[in-house]
């Protein structure tokens, strides 16, 4: 298990990296589907579930902007494209970025650093920064457990693999 500290008062609540990847991706997809939050109909995230509901695949292509870094060079940040998404990273958490897509980008990068030494036993997270076309693209494959709740709702829980 790889713990991650959710920020106090933040939107993401899951205490695991896998859980936050799923939670934030679904939050963004819901925002993209909302015409008020996404009047331009932008579609940078796609989420699919396997037929047996054991795997959720998140594909993303996020625009980034270059910003001068202290000491030279550049940092590539993902600006918010959803209008008033209602997202906050909170305070004191492992990841701090109040842009939903910026938080997701940093979360993917964090997960890649954790996953890299585990290869080839796992290769569920990919994220690539292309500075020529200013895109951060990739895919996350998250094993999930599906549970039908007493009220008939369906709960997806990310299975830990890191």
C-alpha atoms as a PDB file:
ATOM      1  CA  UNK A   1       0.000   0.000   0.000  1.00  0.00           C
ATOM      2  CA  UNK A   2       1.237   3.453  -0.872  1.00  0.00           C
ATOM      3  CA  UNK A   3      -0.381   6.009   1.356  1.00  0.00           C
ATOM      4  CA  UNK A   4      -1.021   9.554   0.254  1.00  0.00           C
ATOM      5  CA  UNK A   5      -2.101  12.303   2.583  1.00  0.00           C
ATOM      6  CA  UNK A   6      -5.297  14.033   1.447  1.00  0.00           C
ATOM      7  CA  UNK A   7      -5.230  17.754   2.154  1.00  0.00           C
ATOM      8  CA  UNK A   8      -7.369  18.922   5.063  1.00  0.00           C
ATOM      9  CA  UNK A   9     -10.566  20.415   3.646  1.00  0.00           C
ATOM     10  CA  UNK A  10      -9.670  19.188   0.160  1.00  0.00           C
ATOM     11  CA  UNK A  11     -11.852  17.475  -2.410  1.00  0.00           C
ATOM     12  CA  UNK A  12      -9.858  14.206  -2.731  1.00  0.00           C
ATOM     13  CA  UNK A  13     -10.499  11.980   0.283  1.00  0.00           C
ATOM     14  CA  UNK A  14      -8.852   8.663  -0.574  1.00  0.00           C
ATOM     15  CA  UNK A  15      -5.794   7.735   1.509  1.00  0.00           C
ATOM     16  CA  UNK A  16      -4.202   5.749  -1.366  1.00  0.00           C
ATOM     17  CA  UNK A  17      -2.602   6.880  -4.623  1.00  0.00           C
ATOM     18  CA  UNK A  18      -4.766   4.478  -6.628  1.00  0.00           C
ATOM     19  CA  UNK A  19      -7.916   5.736  -4.929  1.00  0.00           C
ATOM     20  CA  UNK A  20      -7.068   9.364  -5.607  1.00  0.00           C
ATOM     21  CA  UNK A  21      -6.277   8.640  -9.272  1.00  0.00           C
ATOM     22  CA  UNK A  22      -9.759   7.151  -9.676  1.00  0.00           C
ATOM     23  CA  UNK A  23     -11.474   9.793  -7.539  1.00  0.00           C
ATOM     24  CA  UNK A  24      -9.937  12.823  -9.287  1.00  0.00           C
ATOM     25  CA  UNK A  25     -10.351  11.358 -12.796  1.00  0.00           C
ATOM     26  CA  UNK A  26     -14.061  10.732 -12.180  1.00  0.00           C
ATOM     27  CA  UNK A  27     -14.422  14.240 -10.707  1.00  0.00           C
ATOM     28  CA  UNK A  28     -12.917  15.730 -13.893  1.00  0.00           C
ATOM     29  CA  UNK A  29     -15.046  13.567 -16.211  1.00  0.00           C
ATOM     30  CA  UNK A  30     -18.183  14.680 -14.339  1.00  0.00           C
ATOM     31  CA  UNK A  31     -17.060  18.296 -14.757  1.00  0.00           C
ATOM     32  CA  UNK A  32     -16.468  17.807 -18.478  1.00  0.00           C
ATOM     33  CA  UNK A  33     -20.008  16.419 -18.831  1.00  0.00           C
ATOM     34  CA  UNK A  34     -21.499  19.479 -17.092  1.00  0.00           C
ATOM     35  CA  UNK A  35     -22.402  22.190 -19.637  1.00  0.00           C
ATOM     36  CA  UNK A  36     -22.140  24.906 -16.978  1.00  0.00           C
ATOM     37  CA  UNK A  37     -18.623  23.880 -15.912  1.00  0.00           C
ATOM     38  CA  UNK A  38     -17.535  23.025 -19.454  1.00  0.00           C
ATOM     39  CA  UNK A  39     -19.453  25.295 -21.864  1.00  0.00           C
ATOM     40  CA  UNK A  40     -16.885  24.690 -24.613  1.00  0.00           C
ATOM     41  CA  UNK A  41     -17.452  20.924 -24.553  1.00  0.00           C
ATOM     42  CA  UNK A  42     -13.756  20.162 -23.994  1.00  0.00           C
ATOM     43  CA  UNK A  43     -13.025  16.446 -23.734  1.00  0.00           C
ATOM     44  CA  UNK A  44      -9.522  15.799 -22.416  1.00  0.00           C
ATOM     45  CA  UNK A  45     -10.409  12.724 -20.314  1.00  0.00           C
ATOM     46  CA  UNK A  46     -12.007   9.413 -21.273  1.00  0.00           C
ATOM     47  CA  UNK A  47     -12.877   6.711 -18.755  1.00  0.00           C
ATOM     48  CA  UNK A  48     -13.813   3.137 -19.644  1.00  0.00           C
ATOM     49  CA  UNK A  49     -14.549   0.094 -17.496  1.00  0.00           C
ATOM     50  CA  UNK A  50     -13.880  -3.507 -18.457  1.00  0.00           C
ATOM     51  CA  UNK A  51     -16.895  -5.717 -19.144  1.00  0.00           C
ATOM     52  CA  UNK A  52     -16.461  -7.501 -15.809  1.00  0.00           C
ATOM     53  CA  UNK A  53     -15.984  -4.161 -13.993  1.00  0.00           C
ATOM     54  CA  UNK A  54     -12.566  -5.178 -12.639  1.00  0.00           C
ATOM     55  CA  UNK A  55     -10.511  -2.492 -14.408  1.00  0.00           C
ATOM     56  CA  UNK A  56     -11.067   1.211 -15.040  1.00  0.00           C
ATOM     57  CA  UNK A  57      -8.957   2.824 -17.757  1.00  0.00           C
ATOM     58  CA  UNK A  58      -8.431   6.581 -17.747  1.00  0.00           C
ATOM     59  CA  UNK A  59      -6.988   8.154 -20.903  1.00  0.00           C
ATOM     60  CA  UNK A  60      -6.011  11.805 -20.851  1.00  0.00           C
ATOM     61  CA  UNK A  61      -4.537  14.522 -23.034  1.00  0.00           C
ATOM     62  CA  UNK A  62      -4.090  17.654 -20.930  1.00  0.00           C
ATOM     63  CA  UNK A  63      -2.921  21.021 -22.302  1.00  0.00           C
ATOM     64  CA  UNK A  64      -0.002  22.469 -20.325  1.00  0.00           C
ATOM     65  CA  UNK A  65       1.648  25.879 -20.151  1.00  0.00           C
ATOM     66  CA  UNK A  66       5.354  26.566 -19.751  1.00  0.00           C
ATOM     67  CA  UNK A  67       6.303  28.846 -16.886  1.00  0.00           C
ATOM     68  CA  UNK A  68       9.796  30.051 -16.011  1.00  0.00           C
ATOM     69  CA  UNK A  69      11.252  28.116 -13.110  1.00  0.00           C
ATOM     70  CA  UNK A  70      13.295  29.648 -10.328  1.00  0.00           C
ATOM     71  CA  UNK A  71      16.944  29.238 -11.272  1.00  0.00           C
ATOM     72  CA  UNK A  72      16.196  28.812 -14.983  1.00  0.00           C
ATOM     73  CA  UNK A  73      14.400  26.309 -17.129  1.00  0.00           C
ATOM     74  CA  UNK A  74      10.675  25.734 -17.247  1.00  0.00           C
ATOM     75  CA  UNK A  75       7.915  24.088 -15.281  1.00  0.00           C
ATOM     76  CA  UNK A  76       4.887  22.774 -17.179  1.00  0.00           C
ATOM     77  CA  UNK A  77       1.606  23.353 -15.360  1.00  0.00           C
ATOM     78  CA  UNK A  78      -1.899  22.289 -16.327  1.00  0.00           C
ATOM     79  CA  UNK A  79      -4.216  25.307 -16.103  1.00  0.00           C
ATOM     80  CA  UNK A  80      -7.837  24.874 -15.054  1.00  0.00           C
ATOM     81  CA  UNK A  81     -10.209  24.653 -18.012  1.00  0.00           C
ATOM     82  CA  UNK A  82     -13.415  23.898 -16.113  1.00  0.00           C
ATOM     83  CA  UNK A  83     -15.447  26.878 -14.879  1.00  0.00           C
ATOM     84  CA  UNK A  84     -15.817  26.854 -11.081  1.00  0.00           C
ATOM     85  CA  UNK A  85     -15.267  23.105 -10.708  1.00  0.00           C
ATOM     86  CA  UNK A  86     -15.523  23.194  -6.905  1.00  0.00           C
ATOM     87  CA  UNK A  87     -12.167  21.471  -6.414  1.00  0.00           C
ATOM     88  CA  UNK A  88      -9.556  22.160  -3.743  1.00  0.00           C
ATOM     89  CA  UNK A  89      -6.393  20.270  -2.855  1.00  0.00           C
ATOM     90  CA  UNK A  90      -6.734  21.320   0.790  1.00  0.00           C
ATOM     91  CA  UNK A  91      -3.847  22.056   3.130  1.00  0.00           C
ATOM     92  CA  UNK A  92      -1.043  19.815   4.303  1.00  0.00           C
ATOM     93  CA  UNK A  93      -1.577  17.103   1.702  1.00  0.00           C
ATOM     94  CA  UNK A  94       0.981  15.226  -0.380  1.00  0.00           C
ATOM     95  CA  UNK A  95      -0.178  16.912  -3.615  1.00  0.00           C
ATOM     96  CA  UNK A  96      -0.897  20.638  -3.711  1.00  0.00           C
ATOM     97  CA  UNK A  97      -2.481  22.122  -6.814  1.00  0.00           C
ATOM     98  CA  UNK A  98      -5.906  23.751  -6.783  1.00  0.00           C
ATOM     99  CA  UNK A  99      -6.439  23.153 -10.511  1.00  0.00           C
ATOM    100  CA  UNK A 100      -8.266  19.834 -10.946  1.00  0.00           C
ATOM    101  CA  UNK A 101      -6.179  18.873 -13.977  1.00  0.00           C
ATOM    102  CA  UNK A 102      -3.009  20.232 -12.372  1.00  0.00           C
ATOM    103  CA  UNK A 103      -3.665  18.055  -9.333  1.00  0.00           C
ATOM    104  CA  UNK A 104      -4.289  15.035 -11.573  1.00  0.00           C
ATOM    105  CA  UNK A 105      -1.066  15.712 -13.540  1.00  0.00           C
ATOM    106  CA  UNK A 106       0.966  15.924 -10.336  1.00  0.00           C
ATOM    107  CA  UNK A 107      -0.755  12.798  -9.015  1.00  0.00           C
ATOM    108  CA  UNK A 108       0.174  10.841 -12.168  1.00  0.00           C
ATOM    109  CA  UNK A 109       3.782  12.055 -11.912  1.00  0.00           C
ATOM    110  CA  UNK A 110       3.864  11.045  -8.222  1.00  0.00           C
ATOM    111  CA  UNK A 111       2.451   7.602  -9.052  1.00  0.00           C
ATOM    112  CA  UNK A 112       4.960   7.134 -11.896  1.00  0.00           C
ATOM    113  CA  UNK A 113       7.841   7.780  -9.490  1.00  0.00           C
ATOM    114  CA  UNK A 114       6.451   5.133  -7.143  1.00  0.00           C
ATOM    115  CA  UNK A 115       5.741   2.648  -9.948  1.00  0.00           C
ATOM    116  CA  UNK A 116       9.067   2.991 -11.812  1.00  0.00           C
ATOM    117  CA  UNK A 117      11.149   0.743  -9.517  1.00  0.00           C
ATOM    118  CA  UNK A 118       8.378  -1.887  -9.544  1.00  0.00           C
ATOM    119  CA  UNK A 119       8.651  -2.490 -13.296  1.00  0.00           C
ATOM    120  CA  UNK A 120       8.242  -4.910 -15.032  1.00  0.00           C
ATOM    121  CA  UNK A 121       5.836  -6.308 -12.454  1.00  0.00           C
ATOM    122  CA  UNK A 122       3.469  -3.403 -13.024  1.00  0.00           C
ATOM    123  CA  UNK A 123       3.024  -0.929 -15.840  1.00  0.00           C
ATOM    124  CA  UNK A 124      -0.360   0.580 -15.163  1.00  0.00           C
ATOM    125  CA  UNK A 125       0.560   4.272 -15.255  1.00  0.00           C
ATOM    126  CA  UNK A 126       1.910   6.245 -18.192  1.00  0.00           C
ATOM    127  CA  UNK A 127       2.274   9.962 -18.568  1.00  0.00           C
ATOM    128  CA  UNK A 128       4.337  11.779 -21.170  1.00  0.00           C
ATOM    129  CA  UNK A 129       5.027  15.480 -21.487  1.00  0.00           C
ATOM    130  CA  UNK A 130       5.402  16.704 -25.069  1.00  0.00           C
ATOM    131  CA  UNK A 131       6.835  20.211 -24.876  1.00  0.00           C
ATOM    132  CA  UNK A 132       6.449  20.788 -28.621  1.00  0.00           C
ATOM    133  CA  UNK A 133       2.667  20.504 -28.664  1.00  0.00           C
ATOM    134  CA  UNK A 134       2.274  21.429 -24.954  1.00  0.00           C
ATOM    135  CA  UNK A 135       0.376  18.274 -23.942  1.00  0.00           C
ATOM    136  CA  UNK A 136       0.649  15.856 -21.039  1.00  0.00           C
ATOM    137  CA  UNK A 137      -0.829  12.591 -22.323  1.00  0.00           C
ATOM    138  CA  UNK A 138      -1.154   9.118 -20.939  1.00  0.00           C
ATOM    139  CA  UNK A 139      -3.222   6.348 -19.495  1.00  0.00           C
ATOM    140  CA  UNK A 140      -3.888   4.912 -16.048  1.00  0.00           C
ATOM    141  CA  UNK A 141      -5.241   1.379 -15.594  1.00  0.00           C
ATOM    142  CA  UNK A 142      -6.792   1.027 -12.158  1.00  0.00           C
ATOM    143  CA  UNK A 143      -7.988  -2.360 -10.877  1.00  0.00           C
ATOM    144  CA  UNK A 144     -11.254  -1.897  -9.005  1.00  0.00           C
ATOM    145  CA  UNK A 145     -13.642  -3.803  -6.794  1.00  0.00           C
ATOM    146  CA  UNK A 146     -17.311  -3.239  -7.555  1.00  0.00           C
ATOM    147  CA  UNK A 147     -19.843  -3.443  -4.744  1.00  0.00           C
ATOM    148  CA  UNK A 148     -23.610  -3.038  -4.929  1.00  0.00           C
ATOM    149  CA  UNK A 149     -24.760  -1.063  -1.891  1.00  0.00           C
ATOM    150  CA  UNK A 150     -27.955  -1.661   0.124  1.00  0.00           C
ATOM    151  CA  UNK A 151     -29.649   1.255  -1.633  1.00  0.00           C
ATOM    152  CA  UNK A 152     -28.820  -0.223  -5.063  1.00  0.00           C
ATOM    153  CA  UNK A 153     -26.038   2.224  -5.853  1.00  0.00           C
ATOM    154  CA  UNK A 154     -22.753   0.895  -7.169  1.00  0.00           C
ATOM    155  CA  UNK A 155     -19.477   1.651  -5.439  1.00  0.00           C
ATOM    156  CA  UNK A 156     -16.111   1.407  -7.205  1.00  0.00           C
ATOM    157  CA  UNK A 157     -13.091   1.013  -4.941  1.00  0.00           C
ATOM    158  CA  UNK A 158      -9.590   1.239  -6.366  1.00  0.00           C
ATOM    159  CA  UNK A 159      -7.500  -1.836  -5.633  1.00  0.00           C
ATOM    160  CA  UNK A 160      -3.998  -1.057  -4.429  1.00  0.00           C
ATOM    161  CA  UNK A 161      -1.190  -2.154  -6.751  1.00  0.00           C
ATOM    162  CA  UNK A 162       1.684   0.170  -5.897  1.00  0.00           C
END
